[in-house]
Protein backbone atom coordinates (compact mmCIF):
# COMPACT_ATOMS: atom_id res chain seq x y z
CA UNK A 1 -15.36 38.18 14.80
CA UNK A 2 -11.83 39.65 15.06
CA UNK A 3 -10.98 36.69 17.39
CA UNK A 4 -12.08 34.17 14.28
CA UNK A 5 -9.73 36.16 12.16
CA UNK A 6 -6.68 35.86 14.48
CA UNK A 7 -7.49 32.26 14.81
CA UNK A 8 -7.85 31.62 11.06
CA UNK A 9 -4.79 33.71 10.27
CA UNK A 10 -2.68 31.83 12.90
CA UNK A 11 -3.98 28.33 11.25
CA UNK A 12 -2.94 29.43 7.66
CA UNK A 13 0.57 30.21 9.12
CA UNK A 14 1.15 26.81 11.08
CA UNK A 15 -0.47 25.21 7.99
CA UNK A 16 1.88 27.22 5.28
CA UNK A 17 4.84 26.35 7.63
CA UNK A 18 4.14 22.96 7.65
CA UNK A 19 3.64 23.25 3.75
CA UNK A 20 7.10 23.91 3.89
CA UNK A 21 8.44 21.10 5.75
CA UNK A 22 6.64 18.73 3.43
CA UNK A 23 8.07 20.56 0.62
CA UNK A 24 11.46 20.49 1.86
CA UNK A 25 11.60 16.71 2.81
CA UNK A 26 9.94 15.60 -0.66
CA UNK A 27 13.08 17.76 -2.07
CA UNK A 28 15.70 15.67 -0.61
CA UNK A 29 13.81 12.83 -1.08
CA UNK A 30 13.85 13.53 -5.23
CA UNK A 31 17.50 14.49 -4.72
CA UNK A 32 17.85 10.89 -3.49
CA UNK A 33 16.61 9.00 -5.84
CA UNK A 34 18.43 11.11 -8.58
CA UNK A 35 21.52 10.37 -7.43
CA UNK A 36 20.91 6.44 -7.00
CA UNK A 37 19.46 6.59 -10.30
CA UNK A 38 22.59 8.61 -11.27
CA UNK A 39 24.50 5.51 -9.51
CA UNK A 40 22.76 3.05 -11.39
CA UNK A 41 23.02 4.82 -15.09
CA UNK A 42 26.50 5.36 -14.36
CA UNK A 43 27.20 1.41 -13.14
CA UNK A 44 24.86 -0.30 -15.60
CA UNK A 45 23.40 -1.64 -12.56
CA UNK A 46 23.72 -1.34 -8.54
CA UNK A 47 24.46 -4.68 -7.02
CA UNK A 48 26.49 -6.18 -10.05
CA UNK A 49 30.01 -5.74 -8.17
CA UNK A 50 31.28 -4.24 -10.90
CA UNK A 51 33.19 -0.85 -10.31
CA UNK A 52 32.20 2.15 -12.55
CA UNK A 53 34.11 5.04 -12.97
CA UNK A 54 33.48 8.48 -11.35
CA UNK A 55 30.01 9.49 -9.95
CA UNK A 56 29.36 13.04 -8.28
CA UNK A 57 32.85 14.94 -8.95
CA UNK A 58 35.80 12.65 -8.75
CA UNK A 59 38.39 14.86 -7.20
CA UNK A 60 41.59 15.39 -9.09
CA UNK A 61 43.26 18.88 -8.46
CA UNK A 62 39.52 20.70 -7.17
CA UNK A 63 40.42 23.39 -5.45
CA UNK A 64 39.83 24.30 -1.30
CA UNK A 65 36.64 25.67 -1.58
CA UNK A 66 34.76 22.94 -3.24
CA UNK A 67 35.00 20.55 -0.20
CA UNK A 68 32.76 20.25 2.82
CA UNK A 69 35.95 20.10 5.39
CA UNK A 70 39.36 19.84 5.79
CA UNK A 71 40.15 16.68 4.25
CA UNK A 72 40.69 15.65 0.52
CA UNK A 73 38.75 12.60 -0.69
CA UNK A 74 38.70 11.09 -4.12
CA UNK A 75 34.79 11.56 -4.36
CA UNK A 76 32.94 15.08 -3.18
CA UNK A 77 29.50 14.45 -2.48
CA UNK A 78 28.05 16.64 1.10
CA UNK A 79 27.43 14.56 4.36
CA UNK A 80 23.50 15.32 3.92
CA UNK A 81 23.49 13.50 0.58
CA UNK A 82 25.58 10.62 1.78
CA UNK A 83 23.38 9.62 4.91
CA UNK A 84 20.90 8.76 2.47
CA UNK A 85 23.01 6.42 0.34
CA UNK A 86 23.32 2.50 1.15
CA UNK A 87 26.47 0.79 2.13
CA UNK A 88 26.73 -0.27 -1.19
CA UNK A 89 26.29 2.59 -2.86
CA UNK A 90 28.95 4.44 -1.19
CA UNK A 91 31.20 1.47 -1.26
CA UNK A 92 30.18 2.10 -5.44
CA UNK A 93 31.05 5.29 -5.60
CA UNK A 94 34.45 4.86 -4.28
CA UNK A 95 34.84 1.89 -5.90
CA UNK A 96 35.96 -0.53 -2.84
CA UNK A 97 34.35 -3.76 -2.16
CA UNK A 98 31.10 -3.31 0.24
CA UNK A 99 31.45 -6.15 2.57
CA UNK A 100 34.71 -4.37 3.64
CA UNK A 101 33.53 -0.93 4.33
CA UNK A 102 30.63 -2.23 6.12
CA UNK A 103 32.60 -4.91 8.42
CA UNK A 104 34.96 -1.63 9.15
CA UNK A 105 31.91 0.59 10.00
CA UNK A 106 30.69 -2.61 12.42
CA UNK A 107 34.21 -2.87 14.09
CA UNK A 108 34.83 0.88 14.59
CA UNK A 109 31.99 1.70 15.75
CA UNK A 110 31.20 -1.33 18.03
CA UNK A 111 27.69 -2.15 15.99
CA UNK A 112 25.75 -4.07 17.80
CA UNK A 113 22.68 -4.62 15.34
CA UNK A 114 23.04 -6.60 12.50
CA UNK A 115 23.14 -4.29 8.94
CA UNK A 116 23.87 -4.95 5.39
CA UNK A 117 25.22 -3.54 2.76
CA UNK A 118 21.79 -2.67 1.99
CA UNK A 119 21.40 -0.80 5.29
CA UNK A 120 21.04 3.25 4.46
CA UNK A 121 24.24 5.27 6.74
CA UNK A 122 20.84 7.02 8.24
CA UNK A 123 19.70 3.85 9.83
CA UNK A 124 22.60 2.65 10.92
CA UNK A 125 23.21 6.50 12.86
CA UNK A 126 20.23 5.53 14.51
CA UNK A 127 22.73 3.08 16.72
CA UNK A 128 25.68 5.22 16.85
CA UNK A 129 25.30 8.55 15.52
CA UNK A 130 28.85 9.31 13.12
CA UNK A 131 29.87 11.59 10.97
CA UNK A 132 29.35 10.80 7.57
CA UNK A 133 32.89 12.31 7.18
CA UNK A 134 34.47 9.69 9.08
CA UNK A 135 32.54 7.11 6.57
CA UNK A 136 34.14 9.24 3.73
CA UNK A 137 37.88 9.30 5.70
CA UNK A 138 36.98 4.88 6.04
CA UNK A 139 36.55 4.85 2.54
CA UNK A 140 39.26 6.52 1.32
CA UNK A 141 41.34 4.32 3.45
CA UNK A 142 39.86 1.21 2.54
CA UNK A 143 40.70 2.53 -1.15
CA UNK A 144 44.60 3.18 -0.37
CA UNK A 145 45.17 0.00 0.98
CA UNK A 146 43.52 -1.81 -1.55
CA UNK A 147 45.75 0.44 -4.19
CA UNK A 148 48.46 -0.18 -2.39
CA UNK A 149 48.48 -4.29 -2.51
CA UNK A 150 47.84 -4.10 -6.30
């Protein structure tokens, strides 16, 4: 009888660990849906080509402890959240052209697969495991180049 109890306890522990993993995955998924919803609300509609003003924290004079790396970015979003966005959503946050961001990523990472602005960064990372910080830097550079050309 003692053996059955130990086996049952081990199964319960395994089940509990799996349940916790599932809860975490659900929370991450819900956060992604909320972030996408916030983008849609802030801009009216996704994919309409318009530029919005600020979602997440627009970094004007933010302190150093608010940054996830040593770079200053005009949009503050954690890499784990950025990976869940599409190229178009990232471009929207930085107020840049999504096609330019996609073509820059394709060239920079020498991507062989065919991606669109609707591709999720995490899916693209399956081909080339880039750091989300590189996408932030790339978006900043594109934004700065656009401002210089105006």
